[in-house]
PDB file of N, CA and C in Angstrom:
ATOM      1  N   UNK A   1      -7.296 -16.385   0.072  1.00  0.00           N
ATOM      2  CA  UNK A   1      -7.736 -15.423   1.074  1.00  0.00           C
ATOM      3  C   UNK A   1      -8.319 -14.209   0.334  1.00  0.00           C
ATOM      4  N   UNK A   2      -9.481 -13.754   0.770  1.00  0.00           N
ATOM      5  CA  UNK A   2     -10.093 -12.575   0.153  1.00  0.00           C
ATOM      6  C   UNK A   2      -9.327 -11.324   0.580  1.00  0.00           C
ATOM      7  N   UNK A   3      -9.507 -10.225  -0.137  1.00  0.00           N
ATOM      8  CA  UNK A   3      -8.843  -8.984   0.274  1.00  0.00           C
ATOM      9  C   UNK A   3      -9.189  -8.573   1.717  1.00  0.00           C
ATOM     10  N   UNK A   4     -10.446  -8.713   2.099  1.00  0.00           N
ATOM     11  CA  UNK A   4     -10.830  -8.351   3.473  1.00  0.00           C
ATOM     12  C   UNK A   4     -10.170  -9.283   4.481  1.00  0.00           C
ATOM     13  N   UNK A   5     -10.111 -10.572   4.188  1.00  0.00           N
ATOM     14  CA  UNK A   5      -9.431 -11.515   5.086  1.00  0.00           C
ATOM     15  C   UNK A   5      -7.946 -11.185   5.202  1.00  0.00           C
ATOM     16  N   UNK A   6      -7.352 -10.748   4.104  1.00  0.00           N
ATOM     17  CA  UNK A   6      -5.938 -10.357   4.137  1.00  0.00           C
ATOM     18  C   UNK A   6      -5.737  -9.159   5.060  1.00  0.00           C
ATOM     19  N   UNK A   7      -6.616  -8.171   4.971  1.00  0.00           N
ATOM     20  CA  UNK A   7      -6.492  -6.990   5.829  1.00  0.00           C
ATOM     21  C   UNK A   7      -6.725  -7.364   7.297  1.00  0.00           C
ATOM     22  N   UNK A   8      -7.656  -8.257   7.561  1.00  0.00           N
ATOM     23  CA  UNK A   8      -7.874  -8.703   8.947  1.00  0.00           C
ATOM     24  C   UNK A   8      -6.655  -9.457   9.470  1.00  0.00           C
ATOM     25  N   UNK A   9      -6.023 -10.265   8.614  1.00  0.00           N
ATOM     26  CA  UNK A   9      -4.781 -10.949   9.010  1.00  0.00           C
ATOM     27  C   UNK A   9      -3.678  -9.929   9.260  1.00  0.00           C
ATOM     28  N   UNK A  10      -3.645  -8.877   8.458  1.00  0.00           N
ATOM     29  CA  UNK A  10      -2.680  -7.794   8.654  1.00  0.00           C
ATOM     30  C   UNK A  10      -2.892  -7.147  10.011  1.00  0.00           C
ATOM     31  N   UNK A  11      -4.141  -6.853  10.346  1.00  0.00           N
ATOM     32  CA  UNK A  11      -4.451  -6.266  11.657  1.00  0.00           C
ATOM     33  C   UNK A  11      -3.939  -7.155  12.791  1.00  0.00           C
ATOM     34  N   UNK A  12      -4.186  -8.453  12.681  1.00  0.00           N
ATOM     35  CA  UNK A  12      -3.756  -9.393  13.728  1.00  0.00           C
ATOM     36  C   UNK A  12      -2.233  -9.438  13.821  1.00  0.00           C
ATOM     37  N   UNK A  13      -1.559  -9.425  12.673  1.00  0.00           N
ATOM     38  CA  UNK A  13      -0.092  -9.451  12.669  1.00  0.00           C
ATOM     39  C   UNK A  13       0.485  -8.166  13.247  1.00  0.00           C
ATOM     40  N   UNK A  14      -0.129  -7.028  12.929  1.00  0.00           N
ATOM     41  CA  UNK A  14       0.312  -5.763  13.508  1.00  0.00           C
ATOM     42  C   UNK A  14       0.126  -5.771  15.025  1.00  0.00           C
ATOM     43  N   UNK A  15      -1.021  -6.257  15.478  1.00  0.00           N
ATOM     44  CA  UNK A  15      -1.303  -6.299  16.914  1.00  0.00           C
ATOM     45  C   UNK A  15      -0.303  -7.187  17.645  1.00  0.00           C
ATOM     46  N   UNK A  16       0.150  -8.245  16.978  1.00  0.00           N
ATOM     47  CA  UNK A  16       1.118  -9.162  17.585  1.00  0.00           C
ATOM     48  C   UNK A  16       2.551  -8.660  17.456  1.00  0.00           C
ATOM     49  N   UNK A  17       2.753  -7.583  16.700  1.00  0.00           N
ATOM     50  CA  UNK A  17       4.101  -7.066  16.483  1.00  0.00           C
ATOM     51  C   UNK A  17       4.926  -7.957  15.579  1.00  0.00           C
ATOM     52  N   UNK A  18       4.275  -8.732  14.736  1.00  0.00           N
ATOM     53  CA  UNK A  18       4.942  -9.690  13.860  1.00  0.00           C
ATOM     54  C   UNK A  18       5.250  -9.038  12.512  1.00  0.00           C
ATOM     55  N   UNK A  19       6.343  -8.286  12.463  1.00  0.00           N
ATOM     56  CA  UNK A  19       6.697  -7.532  11.261  1.00  0.00           C
ATOM     57  C   UNK A  19       6.944  -8.450  10.058  1.00  0.00           C
ATOM     58  N   UNK A  20       7.627  -9.598  10.209  1.00  0.00           N
ATOM     59  CA  UNK A  20       7.787 -10.465   9.032  1.00  0.00           C
ATOM     60  C   UNK A  20       6.437 -10.930   8.460  1.00  0.00           C
ATOM     61  N   UNK A  21       5.473 -11.232   9.324  1.00  0.00           N
ATOM     62  CA  UNK A  21       4.146 -11.632   8.832  1.00  0.00           C
ATOM     63  C   UNK A  21       3.466 -10.462   8.123  1.00  0.00           C
ATOM     64  N   UNK A  22       3.611  -9.266   8.686  1.00  0.00           N
ATOM     65  CA  UNK A  22       3.040  -8.069   8.057  1.00  0.00           C
ATOM     66  C   UNK A  22       3.621  -7.899   6.658  1.00  0.00           C
ATOM     67  N   UNK A  23       4.923  -7.948   6.555  1.00  0.00           N
ATOM     68  CA  UNK A  23       5.578  -7.747   5.263  1.00  0.00           C
ATOM     69  C   UNK A  23       5.179  -8.841   4.274  1.00  0.00           C
ATOM     70  N   UNK A  24       4.953 -10.052   4.768  1.00  0.00           N
ATOM     71  CA  UNK A  24       4.536 -11.148   3.907  1.00  0.00           C
ATOM     72  C   UNK A  24       3.129 -10.974   3.359  1.00  0.00           C
ATOM     73  N   UNK A  25       2.323 -10.187   4.031  1.00  0.00           N
ATOM     74  CA  UNK A  25       0.954  -9.939   3.576  1.00  0.00           C
ATOM     75  C   UNK A  25       0.867  -8.797   2.564  1.00  0.00           C
ATOM     76  N   UNK A  26       1.878  -7.962   2.507  1.00  0.00           N
ATOM     77  CA  UNK A  26       1.865  -6.839   1.575  1.00  0.00           C
ATOM     78  C   UNK A  26       2.050  -7.328   0.145  1.00  0.00           C
ATOM     79  N   UNK A  27       1.270  -6.761  -0.753  1.00  0.00           N
ATOM     80  CA  UNK A  27       1.462  -7.017  -2.176  1.00  0.00           C
ATOM     81  C   UNK A  27       2.701  -6.252  -2.640  1.00  0.00           C
ATOM     82  N   UNK A  28       3.320  -6.739  -3.696  1.00  0.00           N
ATOM     83  CA  UNK A  28       4.491  -6.046  -4.241  1.00  0.00           C
ATOM     84  C   UNK A  28       4.129  -4.620  -4.636  1.00  0.00           C
ATOM     85  N   UNK A  29       2.944  -4.463  -5.201  1.00  0.00           N
ATOM     86  CA  UNK A  29       2.439  -3.130  -5.535  1.00  0.00           C
ATOM     87  C   UNK A  29       1.346  -2.816  -4.520  1.00  0.00           C
ATOM     88  N   UNK A  30       1.621  -1.868  -3.649  1.00  0.00           N
ATOM     89  CA  UNK A  30       0.701  -1.522  -2.569  1.00  0.00           C
ATOM     90  C   UNK A  30       0.416  -0.027  -2.646  1.00  0.00           C
ATOM     91  N   UNK A  31      -0.724   0.359  -2.167  1.00  0.00           N
ATOM     92  CA  UNK A  31      -1.025   1.784  -2.011  1.00  0.00           C
ATOM     93  C   UNK A  31      -1.459   1.984  -0.564  1.00  0.00           C
ATOM     94  N   UNK A  32      -0.620   2.635   0.216  1.00  0.00           N
ATOM     95  CA  UNK A  32      -0.867   2.837   1.645  1.00  0.00           C
ATOM     96  C   UNK A  32      -0.825   4.331   1.907  1.00  0.00           C
ATOM     97  N   UNK A  33      -1.939   4.868   2.420  1.00  0.00           N
ATOM     98  CA  UNK A  33      -2.027   6.286   2.722  1.00  0.00           C
ATOM     99  C   UNK A  33      -2.528   6.465   4.146  1.00  0.00           C
ATOM    100  N   UNK A  34      -1.783   7.142   4.963  1.00  0.00           N
ATOM    101  CA  UNK A  34      -2.219   7.483   6.315  1.00  0.00           C
ATOM    102  C   UNK A  34      -3.035   8.772   6.261  1.00  0.00           C
ATOM    103  N   UNK A  35      -3.795   9.016   7.301  1.00  0.00           N
ATOM    104  CA  UNK A  35      -4.576  10.254   7.385  1.00  0.00           C
ATOM    105  C   UNK A  35      -3.622  11.449   7.366  1.00  0.00           C
ATOM    106  N   UNK A  36      -4.029  12.510   6.709  1.00  0.00           N
ATOM    107  CA  UNK A  36      -3.158  13.675   6.526  1.00  0.00           C
ATOM    108  C   UNK A  36      -2.630  14.276   7.817  1.00  0.00           C
ATOM    109  N   UNK A  37      -3.376  14.262   8.883  1.00  0.00           N
ATOM    110  CA  UNK A  37      -2.913  14.879  10.132  1.00  0.00           C
ATOM    111  C   UNK A  37      -2.195  13.884  11.045  1.00  0.00           C
ATOM    112  N   UNK A  38      -2.058  12.638  10.605  1.00  0.00           N
ATOM    113  CA  UNK A  38      -1.327  11.636  11.374  1.00  0.00           C
ATOM    114  C   UNK A  38       0.155  12.013  11.355  1.00  0.00           C
ATOM    115  N   UNK A  39       0.856  11.864  12.473  1.00  0.00           N
ATOM    116  CA  UNK A  39       2.267  12.314  12.523  1.00  0.00           C
ATOM    117  C   UNK A  39       3.174  11.704  11.453  1.00  0.00           C
ATOM    118  N   UNK A  40       2.851  10.522  10.964  1.00  0.00           N
ATOM    119  CA  UNK A  40       3.725   9.873   9.986  1.00  0.00           C
ATOM    120  C   UNK A  40       3.164   9.944   8.570  1.00  0.00           C
ATOM    121  N   UNK A  41       2.230  10.857   8.340  1.00  0.00           N
ATOM    122  CA  UNK A  41       1.672  11.015   6.994  1.00  0.00           C
ATOM    123  C   UNK A  41       2.794  11.380   6.031  1.00  0.00           C
ATOM    124  N   UNK A  42       2.786  10.729   4.884  1.00  0.00           N
ATOM    125  CA  UNK A  42       3.798  11.037   3.878  1.00  0.00           C
ATOM    126  C   UNK A  42       3.282  10.809   2.472  1.00  0.00           C
ATOM    127  N   UNK A  43       2.003  11.079   2.271  1.00  0.00           N
ATOM    128  CA  UNK A  43       1.423  10.817   0.955  1.00  0.00           C
ATOM    129  C   UNK A  43       1.067   9.350   0.841  1.00  0.00           C
ATOM    130  N   UNK A  44       1.119   8.825  -0.357  1.00  0.00           N
ATOM    131  CA  UNK A  44       0.815   7.408  -0.588  1.00  0.00           C
ATOM    132  C   UNK A  44       2.106   6.659  -0.872  1.00  0.00           C
ATOM    133  N   UNK A  45       2.332   5.613  -0.099  1.00  0.00           N
ATOM    134  CA  UNK A  45       3.501   4.754  -0.307  1.00  0.00           C
ATOM    135  C   UNK A  45       3.095   3.625  -1.233  1.00  0.00           C
ATOM    136  N   UNK A  46       3.961   3.270  -2.152  1.00  0.00           N
ATOM    137  CA  UNK A  46       3.612   2.280  -3.169  1.00  0.00           C
ATOM    138  C   UNK A  46       4.493   1.033  -3.141  1.00  0.00           C
ATOM    139  N   UNK A  47       5.355   0.930  -2.146  1.00  0.00           N
ATOM    140  CA  UNK A  47       6.215  -0.246  -2.003  1.00  0.00           C
ATOM    141  C   UNK A  47       6.194  -0.688  -0.541  1.00  0.00           C
ATOM    142  N   UNK A  48       6.186  -1.999  -0.278  1.00  0.00           N
ATOM    143  CA  UNK A  48       6.181  -2.473   1.107  1.00  0.00           C
ATOM    144  C   UNK A  48       7.309  -1.885   1.954  1.00  0.00           C
ATOM    145  N   UNK A  49       8.490  -1.755   1.386  1.00  0.00           N
ATOM    146  CA  UNK A  49       9.631  -1.214   2.129  1.00  0.00           C
ATOM    147  C   UNK A  49       9.369   0.220   2.579  1.00  0.00           C
ATOM    148  N   UNK A  50       8.640   0.996   1.779  1.00  0.00           N
ATOM    149  CA  UNK A  50       8.298   2.371   2.170  1.00  0.00           C
ATOM    150  C   UNK A  50       7.384   2.376   3.385  1.00  0.00           C
ATOM    151  N   UNK A  51       6.423   1.460   3.433  1.00  0.00           N
ATOM    152  CA  UNK A  51       5.530   1.370   4.594  1.00  0.00           C
ATOM    153  C   UNK A  51       6.330   0.979   5.835  1.00  0.00           C
ATOM    154  N   UNK A  52       7.236   0.033   5.666  1.00  0.00           N
ATOM    155  CA  UNK A  52       8.078  -0.386   6.780  1.00  0.00           C
ATOM    156  C   UNK A  52       8.919   0.778   7.297  1.00  0.00           C
ATOM    157  N   UNK A  53       9.652   1.432   6.409  1.00  0.00           N
ATOM    158  CA  UNK A  53      10.591   2.483   6.819  1.00  0.00           C
ATOM    159  C   UNK A  53       9.904   3.766   7.285  1.00  0.00           C
ATOM    160  N   UNK A  54       8.781   4.117   6.668  1.00  0.00           N
ATOM    161  CA  UNK A  54       8.142   5.399   6.967  1.00  0.00           C
ATOM    162  C   UNK A  54       7.025   5.322   8.003  1.00  0.00           C
ATOM    163  N   UNK A  55       6.567   4.110   8.305  1.00  0.00           N
ATOM    164  CA  UNK A  55       5.466   3.973   9.263  1.00  0.00           C
ATOM    165  C   UNK A  55       5.782   2.980  10.374  1.00  0.00           C
ATOM    166  N   UNK A  56       6.059   1.744  10.020  1.00  0.00           N
ATOM    167  CA  UNK A  56       6.219   0.719  11.051  1.00  0.00           C
ATOM    168  C   UNK A  56       7.450   0.950  11.923  1.00  0.00           C
ATOM    169  N   UNK A  57       8.577   1.270  11.315  1.00  0.00           N
ATOM    170  CA  UNK A  57       9.788   1.532  12.101  1.00  0.00           C
ATOM    171  C   UNK A  57       9.603   2.750  13.013  1.00  0.00           C
ATOM    172  N   UNK A  58       9.113   3.890  12.495  1.00  0.00           N
ATOM    173  CA  UNK A  58       8.894   5.037  13.385  1.00  0.00           C
ATOM    174  C   UNK A  58       7.890   4.753  14.508  1.00  0.00           C
ATOM    175  N   UNK A  59       6.827   4.004  14.214  1.00  0.00           N
ATOM    176  CA  UNK A  59       5.864   3.670  15.272  1.00  0.00           C
ATOM    177  C   UNK A  59       6.543   2.869  16.383  1.00  0.00           C
ATOM    178  N   UNK A  60       7.334   1.869  15.995  1.00  0.00           N
ATOM    179  CA  UNK A  60       8.039   1.059  16.982  1.00  0.00           C
ATOM    180  C   UNK A  60       9.088   1.843  17.753  1.00  0.00           C
ATOM    181  N   UNK A  61       9.691   2.805  17.101  1.00  0.00           N
ATOM    182  CA  UNK A  61      10.728   3.627  17.719  1.00  0.00           C
ATOM    183  C   UNK A  61      10.137   4.658  18.672  1.00  0.00           C
ATOM    184  N   UNK A  62       9.036   5.269  18.284  1.00  0.00           N
ATOM    185  CA  UNK A  62       8.518   6.435  18.995  1.00  0.00           C
ATOM    186  C   UNK A  62       7.442   6.129  20.039  1.00  0.00           C
ATOM    187  N   UNK A  63       6.859   4.945  19.993  1.00  0.00           N
ATOM    188  CA  UNK A  63       5.754   4.628  20.896  1.00  0.00           C
ATOM    189  C   UNK A  63       6.042   3.340  21.650  1.00  0.00           C
ATOM    190  N   UNK A  64       5.845   3.380  22.951  1.00  0.00           N
ATOM    191  CA  UNK A  64       5.997   2.162  23.740  1.00  0.00           C
ATOM    192  C   UNK A  64       4.873   1.187  23.414  1.00  0.00           C
ATOM    193  N   UNK A  65       3.666   1.710  23.348  1.00  0.00           N
ATOM    194  CA  UNK A  65       2.509   0.890  22.970  1.00  0.00           C
ATOM    195  C   UNK A  65       1.689   1.684  21.972  1.00  0.00           C
ATOM    196  N   UNK A  66       1.439   1.063  20.854  1.00  0.00           N
ATOM    197  CA  UNK A  66       0.603   1.700  19.840  1.00  0.00           C
ATOM    198  C   UNK A  66      -0.277   0.623  19.255  1.00  0.00           C
ATOM    199  N   UNK A  67      -1.546   0.907  19.098  1.00  0.00           N
ATOM    200  CA  UNK A  67      -2.454  -0.080  18.535  1.00  0.00           C
ATOM    201  C   UNK A  67      -3.543   0.586  17.726  1.00  0.00           C
ATOM    202  N   UNK A  68      -4.074  -0.174  16.837  1.00  0.00           N
ATOM    203  CA  UNK A  68      -5.198   0.276  16.025  1.00  0.00           C
ATOM    204  C   UNK A  68      -6.231  -0.836  16.049  1.00  0.00           C
ATOM    205  N   UNK A  69      -7.445  -0.461  16.295  1.00  0.00           N
ATOM    206  CA  UNK A  69      -8.515  -1.454  16.293  1.00  0.00           C
ATOM    207  C   UNK A  69      -9.537  -1.025  15.246  1.00  0.00           C
ATOM    208  N   UNK A  70      -9.569  -1.731  14.173  1.00  0.00           N
ATOM    209  CA  UNK A  70     -10.540  -1.425  13.121  1.00  0.00           C
ATOM    210  C   UNK A  70     -11.867  -2.089  13.470  1.00  0.00           C
ATOM    211  N   UNK A  71     -12.934  -1.361  13.240  1.00  0.00           N
ATOM    212  CA  UNK A  71     -14.248  -1.960  13.436  1.00  0.00           C
ATOM    213  C   UNK A  71     -15.110  -1.824  12.190  1.00  0.00           C
ATOM    214  N   UNK A  72     -14.479  -1.403  11.104  1.00  0.00           N
ATOM    215  CA  UNK A  72     -15.224  -1.218   9.865  1.00  0.00           C
ATOM    216  C   UNK A  72     -14.301  -1.560   8.692  1.00  0.00           C
ATOM    217  N   UNK A  73     -14.763  -2.461   7.842  1.00  0.00           N
ATOM    218  CA  UNK A  73     -14.025  -2.835   6.638  1.00  0.00           C
ATOM    219  C   UNK A  73     -14.938  -2.610   5.441  1.00  0.00           C
ATOM    220  N   UNK A  74     -14.465  -1.880   4.461  1.00  0.00           N
ATOM    221  CA  UNK A  74     -15.241  -1.620   3.248  1.00  0.00           C
ATOM    222  C   UNK A  74     -14.401  -2.130   2.081  1.00  0.00           C
ATOM    223  N   UNK A  75     -14.971  -3.048   1.318  1.00  0.00           N
ATOM    224  CA  UNK A  75     -14.223  -3.661   0.219  1.00  0.00           C
ATOM    225  C   UNK A  75     -14.993  -3.550  -1.084  1.00  0.00           C
ATOM    226  N   UNK A  76     -14.226  -3.286  -2.134  1.00  0.00           N
ATOM    227  CA  UNK A  76     -14.755  -3.332  -3.485  1.00  0.00           C
ATOM    228  C   UNK A  76     -13.640  -3.872  -4.367  1.00  0.00           C
ATOM    229  N   UNK A  77     -13.847  -5.032  -4.912  1.00  0.00           N
ATOM    230  CA  UNK A  77     -12.803  -5.670  -5.707  1.00  0.00           C
ATOM    231  C   UNK A  77     -11.597  -5.960  -4.825  1.00  0.00           C
ATOM    232  N   UNK A  78     -10.424  -5.520  -5.271  1.00  0.00           N
ATOM    233  CA  UNK A  78      -9.190  -5.743  -4.511  1.00  0.00           C
ATOM    234  C   UNK A  78      -8.861  -4.606  -3.554  1.00  0.00           C
ATOM    235  N   UNK A  79      -9.744  -3.621  -3.446  1.00  0.00           N
ATOM    236  CA  UNK A  79      -9.497  -2.468  -2.592  1.00  0.00           C
ATOM    237  C   UNK A  79     -10.236  -2.620  -1.263  1.00  0.00           C
ATOM    238  N   UNK A  80      -9.503  -2.442  -0.170  1.00  0.00           N
ATOM    239  CA  UNK A  80     -10.103  -2.527   1.160  1.00  0.00           C
ATOM    240  C   UNK A  80      -9.702  -1.286   1.943  1.00  0.00           C
ATOM    241  N   UNK A  81     -10.672  -0.618   2.513  1.00  0.00           N
ATOM    242  CA  UNK A  81     -10.437   0.498   3.421  1.00  0.00           C
ATOM    243  C   UNK A  81     -10.924   0.058   4.781  1.00  0.00           C
ATOM    244  N   UNK A  82     -10.194   0.444   5.815  1.00  0.00           N
ATOM    245  CA  UNK A  82     -10.648   0.084   7.146  1.00  0.00           C
ATOM    246  C   UNK A  82     -10.331   1.196   8.107  1.00  0.00           C
ATOM    247  N   UNK A  83     -11.097   1.205   9.168  1.00  0.00           N
ATOM    248  CA  UNK A  83     -10.908   2.264  10.161  1.00  0.00           C
ATOM    249  C   UNK A  83     -11.844   2.105  11.329  1.00  0.00           C
ATOM    250  N   UNK A  84     -11.945   3.167  12.069  1.00  0.00           N
ATOM    251  CA  UNK A  84     -12.762   3.163  13.279  1.00  0.00           C
ATOM    252  C   UNK A  84     -13.876   4.181  13.130  1.00  0.00           C
ATOM    253  N   UNK A  85     -14.953   3.870  13.739  1.00  0.00           N
ATOM    254  CA  UNK A  85     -16.092   4.815  13.738  1.00  0.00           C
ATOM    255  C   UNK A  85     -16.067   5.651  14.969  1.00  0.00           C
TER     256      UNK A  85
END
């Protein structure tokens, strides 16, 4: 699976609420940074467990429905950025 395909699979797993699938897609060494003004911003997380505890758990706890729809994927090598226009 290419890096972009992995991120698209991540999006689908997040949309389905499939946390085990999400965690299975994370690399052991990850760099995850939320936008600075996002309520759960906490710098860059470098371990899958940090993303789970600092982002996914709070999102599930604090929001009845939360979704993200990416319409733009930019990839270079193993790095993929995605977001909305």
